[in-house]
C-alpha atoms as a PDB file:
ATOM      1  CA  UNK A   1       1.459  13.149  -8.774  1.00  0.00           C
ATOM      2  CA  UNK A   2       4.867  11.433  -8.897  1.00  0.00           C
ATOM      3  CA  UNK A   3       8.013  12.845 -10.472  1.00  0.00           C
ATOM      4  CA  UNK A   4      11.264  10.924 -10.636  1.00  0.00           C
ATOM      5  CA  UNK A   5      14.365  12.994 -11.372  1.00  0.00           C
ATOM      6  CA  UNK A   6      17.598  11.325 -12.574  1.00  0.00           C
ATOM      7  CA  UNK A   7      17.221   8.400 -10.191  1.00  0.00           C
ATOM      8  CA  UNK A   8      20.084   5.967  -9.654  1.00  0.00           C
ATOM      9  CA  UNK A   9      20.328   2.775  -7.619  1.00  0.00           C
ATOM     10  CA  UNK A  10      23.608   0.891  -7.781  1.00  0.00           C
ATOM     11  CA  UNK A  11      24.568  -2.462  -6.282  1.00  0.00           C
ATOM     12  CA  UNK A  12      28.347  -2.300  -6.264  1.00  0.00           C
ATOM     13  CA  UNK A  13      29.285  -1.889  -9.914  1.00  0.00           C
ATOM     14  CA  UNK A  14      25.842  -2.882 -11.186  1.00  0.00           C
ATOM     15  CA  UNK A  15      23.568   0.048 -12.095  1.00  0.00           C
ATOM     16  CA  UNK A  16      20.073  -1.400 -11.680  1.00  0.00           C
ATOM     17  CA  UNK A  17      18.503   2.057 -12.090  1.00  0.00           C
ATOM     18  CA  UNK A  18      20.714   4.369 -14.099  1.00  0.00           C
ATOM     19  CA  UNK A  19      19.385   7.885 -14.496  1.00  0.00           C
ATOM     20  CA  UNK A  20      15.643   7.173 -14.725  1.00  0.00           C
ATOM     21  CA  UNK A  21      13.307  10.185 -15.003  1.00  0.00           C
ATOM     22  CA  UNK A  22       9.525  10.028 -15.404  1.00  0.00           C
ATOM     23  CA  UNK A  23       6.198  11.613 -14.460  1.00  0.00           C
ATOM     24  CA  UNK A  24       2.978   9.962 -13.304  1.00  0.00           C
ATOM     25  CA  UNK A  25      -0.108  12.118 -13.746  1.00  0.00           C
ATOM     26  CA  UNK A  26      -2.874  12.164 -11.105  1.00  0.00           C
ATOM     27  CA  UNK A  27      -5.769   9.735 -11.654  1.00  0.00           C
ATOM     28  CA  UNK A  28      -3.927   7.929 -14.449  1.00  0.00           C
ATOM     29  CA  UNK A  29      -2.981   4.302 -15.012  1.00  0.00           C
ATOM     30  CA  UNK A  30       0.605   4.000 -16.207  1.00  0.00           C
ATOM     31  CA  UNK A  31       1.992   0.739 -17.549  1.00  0.00           C
ATOM     32  CA  UNK A  32       5.704   0.100 -16.953  1.00  0.00           C
ATOM     33  CA  UNK A  33       7.237  -2.443 -19.330  1.00  0.00           C
ATOM     34  CA  UNK A  34      10.691  -3.477 -20.463  1.00  0.00           C
ATOM     35  CA  UNK A  35      12.916  -6.530 -20.898  1.00  0.00           C
ATOM     36  CA  UNK A  36      13.890  -8.601 -17.877  1.00  0.00           C
ATOM     37  CA  UNK A  37      16.620  -6.807 -15.949  1.00  0.00           C
ATOM     38  CA  UNK A  38      15.496  -3.368 -17.147  1.00  0.00           C
ATOM     39  CA  UNK A  39      15.274  -2.059 -13.561  1.00  0.00           C
ATOM     40  CA  UNK A  40      11.494  -1.865 -13.203  1.00  0.00           C
ATOM     41  CA  UNK A  41      11.129  -3.572  -9.827  1.00  0.00           C
ATOM     42  CA  UNK A  42      14.175  -1.789  -8.417  1.00  0.00           C
ATOM     43  CA  UNK A  43      12.655   1.519  -9.518  1.00  0.00           C
ATOM     44  CA  UNK A  44       9.436   0.599  -7.662  1.00  0.00           C
ATOM     45  CA  UNK A  45      11.432  -0.336  -4.571  1.00  0.00           C
ATOM     46  CA  UNK A  46      13.268   2.992  -4.530  1.00  0.00           C
ATOM     47  CA  UNK A  47      10.129   5.087  -5.081  1.00  0.00           C
ATOM     48  CA  UNK A  48       8.278   3.124  -2.371  1.00  0.00           C
ATOM     49  CA  UNK A  49      11.089   3.466   0.170  1.00  0.00           C
ATOM     50  CA  UNK A  50      12.037  -0.223   0.220  1.00  0.00           C
ATOM     51  CA  UNK A  51      15.518   0.704  -1.060  1.00  0.00           C
ATOM     52  CA  UNK A  52      17.343   4.039  -0.669  1.00  0.00           C
ATOM     53  CA  UNK A  53      18.494   5.658  -3.926  1.00  0.00           C
ATOM     54  CA  UNK A  54      22.162   6.041  -4.732  1.00  0.00           C
ATOM     55  CA  UNK A  55      21.265   9.493  -6.066  1.00  0.00           C
ATOM     56  CA  UNK A  56      18.373  11.378  -7.621  1.00  0.00           C
ATOM     57  CA  UNK A  57      15.048  12.636  -6.309  1.00  0.00           C
ATOM     58  CA  UNK A  58      11.404  11.529  -6.046  1.00  0.00           C
ATOM     59  CA  UNK A  59       8.542  13.948  -5.392  1.00  0.00           C
ATOM     60  CA  UNK A  60       4.859  13.300  -4.655  1.00  0.00           C
ATOM     61  CA  UNK A  61       2.426  16.166  -5.122  1.00  0.00           C
ATOM     62  CA  UNK A  62       5.454  18.469  -5.158  1.00  0.00           C
ATOM     63  CA  UNK A  63       6.833  17.175  -1.836  1.00  0.00           C
ATOM     64  CA  UNK A  64      10.286  15.590  -1.768  1.00  0.00           C
ATOM     65  CA  UNK A  65       9.783  11.992  -0.559  1.00  0.00           C
ATOM     66  CA  UNK A  66      13.223  10.677  -1.541  1.00  0.00           C
ATOM     67  CA  UNK A  67      14.332   7.937   0.814  1.00  0.00           C
ATOM     68  CA  UNK A  68      11.305   8.101   3.114  1.00  0.00           C
ATOM     69  CA  UNK A  69      10.560   4.698   4.695  1.00  0.00           C
ATOM     70  CA  UNK A  70       7.525   2.703   3.551  1.00  0.00           C
ATOM     71  CA  UNK A  71       5.486   3.403   6.709  1.00  0.00           C
ATOM     72  CA  UNK A  72       5.787   7.165   6.174  1.00  0.00           C
ATOM     73  CA  UNK A  73       4.797   6.800   2.514  1.00  0.00           C
ATOM     74  CA  UNK A  74       1.883   4.561   3.572  1.00  0.00           C
ATOM     75  CA  UNK A  75       0.465   7.428   5.627  1.00  0.00           C
ATOM     76  CA  UNK A  76       0.862   9.741   2.631  1.00  0.00           C
ATOM     77  CA  UNK A  77      -1.226   7.354   0.487  1.00  0.00           C
ATOM     78  CA  UNK A  78       1.571   5.682  -1.490  1.00  0.00           C
ATOM     79  CA  UNK A  79       1.334   1.869  -1.447  1.00  0.00           C
ATOM     80  CA  UNK A  80       3.213  -0.871  -3.245  1.00  0.00           C
ATOM     81  CA  UNK A  81       2.326  -4.522  -3.859  1.00  0.00           C
ATOM     82  CA  UNK A  82       4.771  -7.304  -4.679  1.00  0.00           C
ATOM     83  CA  UNK A  83       5.141 -10.019  -7.314  1.00  0.00           C
ATOM     84  CA  UNK A  84       4.483 -12.600  -4.582  1.00  0.00           C
ATOM     85  CA  UNK A  85       1.495 -11.742  -2.374  1.00  0.00           C
ATOM     86  CA  UNK A  86       2.345 -11.103   1.294  1.00  0.00           C
ATOM     87  CA  UNK A  87      -0.776 -12.281   3.063  1.00  0.00           C
ATOM     88  CA  UNK A  88      -1.189 -13.390   6.689  1.00  0.00           C
ATOM     89  CA  UNK A  89      -1.827 -16.997   5.684  1.00  0.00           C
ATOM     90  CA  UNK A  90      -3.403 -18.233   8.939  1.00  0.00           C
ATOM     91  CA  UNK A  91      -5.875 -15.339   9.131  1.00  0.00           C
ATOM     92  CA  UNK A  92      -9.100 -15.063   7.128  1.00  0.00           C
ATOM     93  CA  UNK A  93      -9.356 -12.816   4.096  1.00  0.00           C
ATOM     94  CA  UNK A  94     -11.575 -10.451   6.078  1.00  0.00           C
ATOM     95  CA  UNK A  95      -9.069 -10.334   8.955  1.00  0.00           C
ATOM     96  CA  UNK A  96      -6.242  -9.613   6.491  1.00  0.00           C
ATOM     97  CA  UNK A  97      -8.095  -6.506   5.360  1.00  0.00           C
ATOM     98  CA  UNK A  98      -9.027  -5.439   8.898  1.00  0.00           C
ATOM     99  CA  UNK A  99      -5.317  -5.511   9.854  1.00  0.00           C
ATOM    100  CA  UNK A 100      -4.360  -2.795   7.350  1.00  0.00           C
ATOM    101  CA  UNK A 101      -5.335   0.574   8.895  1.00  0.00           C
ATOM    102  CA  UNK A 102      -2.752   1.836  11.383  1.00  0.00           C
ATOM    103  CA  UNK A 103      -3.285   3.403  14.793  1.00  0.00           C
ATOM    104  CA  UNK A 104      -6.114   1.071  15.804  1.00  0.00           C
ATOM    105  CA  UNK A 105      -7.330   1.458  19.387  1.00  0.00           C
ATOM    106  CA  UNK A 106      -6.790  -2.232  20.121  1.00  0.00           C
ATOM    107  CA  UNK A 107      -3.028  -1.761  19.635  1.00  0.00           C
ATOM    108  CA  UNK A 108      -2.884   0.130  22.941  1.00  0.00           C
ATOM    109  CA  UNK A 109      -2.602  -1.877  26.170  1.00  0.00           C
ATOM    110  CA  UNK A 110      -4.421   0.934  27.986  1.00  0.00           C
ATOM    111  CA  UNK A 111      -7.401   0.661  25.658  1.00  0.00           C
ATOM    112  CA  UNK A 112      -7.649  -3.106  26.116  1.00  0.00           C
ATOM    113  CA  UNK A 113      -8.459  -2.360  29.763  1.00  0.00           C
ATOM    114  CA  UNK A 114     -10.295   0.944  29.662  1.00  0.00           C
ATOM    115  CA  UNK A 115     -11.377   1.462  26.050  1.00  0.00           C
ATOM    116  CA  UNK A 116     -13.162  -1.747  25.198  1.00  0.00           C
ATOM    117  CA  UNK A 117     -16.251  -0.025  23.798  1.00  0.00           C
ATOM    118  CA  UNK A 118     -14.086   2.097  21.512  1.00  0.00           C
ATOM    119  CA  UNK A 119     -12.272  -1.030  20.322  1.00  0.00           C
ATOM    120  CA  UNK A 120     -15.560  -2.850  19.676  1.00  0.00           C
ATOM    121  CA  UNK A 121     -17.014   0.096  17.741  1.00  0.00           C
ATOM    122  CA  UNK A 122     -13.851   0.396  15.676  1.00  0.00           C
ATOM    123  CA  UNK A 123     -13.782  -3.308  14.876  1.00  0.00           C
ATOM    124  CA  UNK A 124     -17.417  -3.213  13.707  1.00  0.00           C
ATOM    125  CA  UNK A 125     -16.573  -0.337  11.368  1.00  0.00           C
ATOM    126  CA  UNK A 126     -13.470  -2.130  10.067  1.00  0.00           C
ATOM    127  CA  UNK A 127     -15.441  -5.325   9.510  1.00  0.00           C
ATOM    128  CA  UNK A 128     -18.075  -3.429   7.533  1.00  0.00           C
ATOM    129  CA  UNK A 129     -15.355  -1.725   5.467  1.00  0.00           C
ATOM    130  CA  UNK A 130     -13.624  -5.050   4.799  1.00  0.00           C
ATOM    131  CA  UNK A 131     -16.886  -6.655   3.686  1.00  0.00           C
ATOM    132  CA  UNK A 132     -17.526  -3.706   1.355  1.00  0.00           C
ATOM    133  CA  UNK A 133     -14.065  -4.177  -0.165  1.00  0.00           C
ATOM    134  CA  UNK A 134     -14.536  -7.930  -0.601  1.00  0.00           C
ATOM    135  CA  UNK A 135     -17.851  -7.318  -2.340  1.00  0.00           C
ATOM    136  CA  UNK A 136     -16.313  -4.673  -4.619  1.00  0.00           C
ATOM    137  CA  UNK A 137     -13.661  -7.205  -5.664  1.00  0.00           C
ATOM    138  CA  UNK A 138     -16.278  -9.974  -6.106  1.00  0.00           C
ATOM    139  CA  UNK A 139     -14.590 -12.232  -3.531  1.00  0.00           C
ATOM    140  CA  UNK A 140     -17.056 -11.800  -0.679  1.00  0.00           C
ATOM    141  CA  UNK A 141     -17.477 -15.587  -0.645  1.00  0.00           C
ATOM    142  CA  UNK A 142     -13.880 -15.820   0.634  1.00  0.00           C
ATOM    143  CA  UNK A 143     -14.452 -13.658   3.720  1.00  0.00           C
ATOM    144  CA  UNK A 144     -14.062 -16.534   6.193  1.00  0.00           C
ATOM    145  CA  UNK A 145     -11.489 -18.451   4.131  1.00  0.00           C
ATOM    146  CA  UNK A 146      -7.904 -18.538   5.418  1.00  0.00           C
ATOM    147  CA  UNK A 147      -5.847 -16.327   3.112  1.00  0.00           C
ATOM    148  CA  UNK A 148      -3.150 -18.981   2.739  1.00  0.00           C
ATOM    149  CA  UNK A 149      -5.681 -21.359   1.188  1.00  0.00           C
ATOM    150  CA  UNK A 150      -6.982 -19.168  -1.654  1.00  0.00           C
ATOM    151  CA  UNK A 151      -5.573 -19.138  -5.195  1.00  0.00           C
ATOM    152  CA  UNK A 152      -2.744 -16.925  -6.400  1.00  0.00           C
ATOM    153  CA  UNK A 153      -5.152 -14.692  -8.316  1.00  0.00           C
ATOM    154  CA  UNK A 154      -7.408 -14.324  -5.297  1.00  0.00           C
ATOM    155  CA  UNK A 155      -4.371 -13.349  -3.208  1.00  0.00           C
ATOM    156  CA  UNK A 156      -3.600 -10.635  -5.766  1.00  0.00           C
ATOM    157  CA  UNK A 157      -7.183  -9.361  -5.418  1.00  0.00           C
ATOM    158  CA  UNK A 158      -6.744  -9.396  -1.645  1.00  0.00           C
ATOM    159  CA  UNK A 159      -3.575  -7.300  -2.000  1.00  0.00           C
ATOM    160  CA  UNK A 160      -5.531  -4.830  -4.097  1.00  0.00           C
ATOM    161  CA  UNK A 161      -8.192  -4.854  -1.384  1.00  0.00           C
ATOM    162  CA  UNK A 162      -5.621  -3.824   1.213  1.00  0.00           C
ATOM    163  CA  UNK A 163      -5.028  -0.597  -0.674  1.00  0.00           C
ATOM    164  CA  UNK A 164      -8.769   0.113  -0.492  1.00  0.00           C
ATOM    165  CA  UNK A 165      -8.802  -0.168   3.301  1.00  0.00           C
ATOM    166  CA  UNK A 166      -6.836   3.078   3.569  1.00  0.00           C
ATOM    167  CA  UNK A 167      -8.073   4.887   0.439  1.00  0.00           C
ATOM    168  CA  UNK A 168      -4.653   5.041  -1.196  1.00  0.00           C
ATOM    169  CA  UNK A 169      -3.739   7.899  -3.543  1.00  0.00           C
ATOM    170  CA  UNK A 170      -1.254   5.996  -5.694  1.00  0.00           C
ATOM    171  CA  UNK A 171      -0.627   2.265  -5.918  1.00  0.00           C
ATOM    172  CA  UNK A 172       2.397   0.567  -7.475  1.00  0.00           C
ATOM    173  CA  UNK A 173       1.446  -2.930  -8.665  1.00  0.00           C
ATOM    174  CA  UNK A 174       4.330  -5.294  -9.443  1.00  0.00           C
ATOM    175  CA  UNK A 175       3.380  -8.075 -11.889  1.00  0.00           C
ATOM    176  CA  UNK A 176      -0.198  -8.297 -10.739  1.00  0.00           C
ATOM    177  CA  UNK A 177      -0.872 -10.966 -13.374  1.00  0.00           C
ATOM    178  CA  UNK A 178       1.960 -13.336 -12.427  1.00  0.00           C
ATOM    179  CA  UNK A 179       0.548 -16.829 -11.926  1.00  0.00           C
ATOM    180  CA  UNK A 180      -3.040 -15.632 -12.391  1.00  0.00           C
ATOM    181  CA  UNK A 181      -5.495 -17.332 -14.758  1.00  0.00           C
ATOM    182  CA  UNK A 182      -7.115 -15.283 -17.528  1.00  0.00           C
ATOM    183  CA  UNK A 183     -10.517 -15.072 -15.839  1.00  0.00           C
ATOM    184  CA  UNK A 184      -9.128 -13.712 -12.567  1.00  0.00           C
ATOM    185  CA  UNK A 185      -6.755 -11.408 -14.442  1.00  0.00           C
ATOM    186  CA  UNK A 186      -9.810  -9.908 -16.144  1.00  0.00           C
ATOM    187  CA  UNK A 187     -11.422  -9.440 -12.721  1.00  0.00           C
ATOM    188  CA  UNK A 188      -8.283  -7.715 -11.426  1.00  0.00           C
ATOM    189  CA  UNK A 189      -8.180  -5.450 -14.490  1.00  0.00           C
ATOM    190  CA  UNK A 190     -11.839  -4.509 -14.052  1.00  0.00           C
ATOM    191  CA  UNK A 191     -11.215  -3.685 -10.375  1.00  0.00           C
ATOM    192  CA  UNK A 192      -8.232  -1.467 -11.252  1.00  0.00           C
ATOM    193  CA  UNK A 193     -10.277   0.397 -13.871  1.00  0.00           C
ATOM    194  CA  UNK A 194     -13.188   0.899 -11.447  1.00  0.00           C
ATOM    195  CA  UNK A 195     -10.902   2.162  -8.672  1.00  0.00           C
ATOM    196  CA  UNK A 196      -9.339   4.573 -11.144  1.00  0.00           C
ATOM    197  CA  UNK A 197     -12.578   5.885 -12.650  1.00  0.00           C
ATOM    198  CA  UNK A 198     -14.891   5.762  -9.619  1.00  0.00           C
ATOM    199  CA  UNK A 199     -12.492   6.563  -6.778  1.00  0.00           C
ATOM    200  CA  UNK A 200      -9.697   8.457  -8.490  1.00  0.00           C
ATOM    201  CA  UNK A 201      -6.893   6.033  -7.688  1.00  0.00           C
ATOM    202  CA  UNK A 202      -3.608   6.497  -9.551  1.00  0.00           C
ATOM    203  CA  UNK A 203      -1.833   3.284 -10.584  1.00  0.00           C
ATOM    204  CA  UNK A 204       1.587   2.347 -11.926  1.00  0.00           C
ATOM    205  CA  UNK A 205       1.637  -1.263 -13.122  1.00  0.00           C
ATOM    206  CA  UNK A 206       4.535  -3.548 -14.037  1.00  0.00           C
ATOM    207  CA  UNK A 207       3.146  -6.388 -16.106  1.00  0.00           C
ATOM    208  CA  UNK A 208       4.343  -9.000 -18.620  1.00  0.00           C
ATOM    209  CA  UNK A 209       0.990  -9.299 -20.393  1.00  0.00           C
ATOM    210  CA  UNK A 210       0.807  -6.718 -23.189  1.00  0.00           C
ATOM    211  CA  UNK A 211      -2.911  -7.272 -23.723  1.00  0.00           C
ATOM    212  CA  UNK A 212      -3.530  -6.503 -20.043  1.00  0.00           C
ATOM    213  CA  UNK A 213      -1.366  -3.366 -20.216  1.00  0.00           C
ATOM    214  CA  UNK A 214      -3.232  -2.260 -23.338  1.00  0.00           C
ATOM    215  CA  UNK A 215      -6.606  -2.796 -21.655  1.00  0.00           C
ATOM    216  CA  UNK A 216      -5.956  -0.719 -18.525  1.00  0.00           C
ATOM    217  CA  UNK A 217      -3.210   1.819 -19.283  1.00  0.00           C
ATOM    218  CA  UNK A 218      -3.554   5.473 -20.281  1.00  0.00           C
ATOM    219  CA  UNK A 219       0.191   5.798 -20.785  1.00  0.00           C
ATOM    220  CA  UNK A 220       3.028   3.294 -21.177  1.00  0.00           C
ATOM    221  CA  UNK A 221       6.670   3.722 -20.182  1.00  0.00           C
ATOM    222  CA  UNK A 222       9.337   1.334 -21.443  1.00  0.00           C
ATOM    223  CA  UNK A 223      12.544   0.911 -19.459  1.00  0.00           C
ATOM    224  CA  UNK A 224      15.805  -0.667 -20.603  1.00  0.00           C
ATOM    225  CA  UNK A 225      19.184  -0.866 -18.875  1.00  0.00           C
ATOM    226  CA  UNK A 226      17.985   1.158 -15.907  1.00  0.00           C
ATOM    227  CA  UNK A 227      16.583   4.198 -17.681  1.00  0.00           C
ATOM    228  CA  UNK A 228      13.433   5.250 -19.543  1.00  0.00           C
ATOM    229  CA  UNK A 229      13.717   4.263 -23.188  1.00  0.00           C
ATOM    230  CA  UNK A 230      10.362   5.439 -24.591  1.00  0.00           C
ATOM    231  CA  UNK A 231       6.913   6.695 -23.540  1.00  0.00           C
ATOM    232  CA  UNK A 232       3.520   6.922 -25.225  1.00  0.00           C
ATOM    233  CA  UNK A 233       0.512   4.789 -26.062  1.00  0.00           C
ATOM    234  CA  UNK A 234       1.055   1.044 -26.259  1.00  0.00           C
ATOM    235  CA  UNK A 235       0.769   1.218 -30.062  1.00  0.00           C
ATOM    236  CA  UNK A 236       3.465   3.916 -30.181  1.00  0.00           C
ATOM    237  CA  UNK A 237       5.709   1.948 -27.845  1.00  0.00           C
ATOM    238  CA  UNK A 238       5.381  -1.250 -29.874  1.00  0.00           C
ATOM    239  CA  UNK A 239       6.265   0.635 -33.074  1.00  0.00           C
ATOM    240  CA  UNK A 240       9.334   2.354 -31.557  1.00  0.00           C
ATOM    241  CA  UNK A 241      12.549   1.015 -33.099  1.00  0.00           C
ATOM    242  CA  UNK A 242      14.437   1.474 -29.797  1.00  0.00           C
ATOM    243  CA  UNK A 243      11.897  -0.669 -27.976  1.00  0.00           C
ATOM    244  CA  UNK A 244      11.982  -3.327 -30.694  1.00  0.00           C
ATOM    245  CA  UNK A 245      15.779  -3.406 -30.462  1.00  0.00           C
ATOM    246  CA  UNK A 246      15.645  -3.724 -26.665  1.00  0.00           C
ATOM    247  CA  UNK A 247      13.294  -6.694 -26.899  1.00  0.00           C
ATOM    248  CA  UNK A 248      15.242  -8.245 -29.779  1.00  0.00           C
ATOM    249  CA  UNK A 249      18.153  -8.375 -27.372  1.00  0.00           C
ATOM    250  CA  UNK A 250      16.177 -10.895 -25.301  1.00  0.00           C
ATOM    251  CA  UNK A 251      16.026 -13.316 -28.237  1.00  0.00           C
ATOM    252  CA  UNK A 252      12.932 -12.218 -30.166  1.00  0.00           C
ATOM    253  CA  UNK A 253      13.072 -12.916 -33.900  1.00  0.00           C
ATOM    254  CA  UNK A 254      10.780 -10.271 -35.353  1.00  0.00           C
ATOM    255  CA  UNK A 255       8.652  -7.268 -34.522  1.00  0.00           C
ATOM    256  CA  UNK A 256       5.429  -9.239 -34.312  1.00  0.00           C
ATOM    257  CA  UNK A 257       6.737 -11.152 -31.315  1.00  0.00           C
ATOM    258  CA  UNK A 258       6.822  -7.944 -29.247  1.00  0.00           C
ATOM    259  CA  UNK A 259       3.025  -8.200 -28.883  1.00  0.00           C
ATOM    260  CA  UNK A 260       3.447 -11.251 -26.676  1.00  0.00           C
ATOM    261  CA  UNK A 261       6.777 -10.378 -25.112  1.00  0.00           C
ATOM    262  CA  UNK A 262       7.474 -10.396 -21.405  1.00  0.00           C
ATOM    263  CA  UNK A 263       7.552  -6.868 -19.964  1.00  0.00           C
END
């Protein structure tokens, strides 16, 4: 679904992404790990149109999407979440979900005068869709809660719910487990697996928790110094001498510590 060809993103003399190339297969869950500063988040930002590449190419379903802005990629079904959830804090969780689909009739001044029935019908459908999403994620009890008042893990679930409001094709999740307790992280993992198996979503996930990556991922990619260092199953990655050396550079003392290392 996604192919990255010799991608570079430089900030002055610093090469945050330095010749990265990778493939993401349709309907897969790919874990992206690597030491801090490996270029993972910058790679996400370039693929998702948040940052333009210095050079290189990104394709989606064979179409060149290099440098397209996020709103164009949104309409193609490519979505990206962030380490810190970006909710509308004063709106309810349900309203946050209802805001997601673009081109709503209520956005037109003309329709507010002459298309009120259309707006009402659309809002009923969006409300029903949002309630379905909240139920799927097991947070239906938060429907009327202001999004700024829910926990960090619940905000991460809400971000995942936003992708369901538009039936995304591929979702890039950046540190979905950051600041999330183990129970909610398990709920998030279950939701990702269900979306993948039942609805065919493709995911790429940056995550520090190796156990979480092992639970959900079909394939794992390890980055270091801006490029892809190794690929394979999590067991293969953890046994790779290049990966061990990359993590040792962050201060680890032995191979066993890689199992709990930050990604």
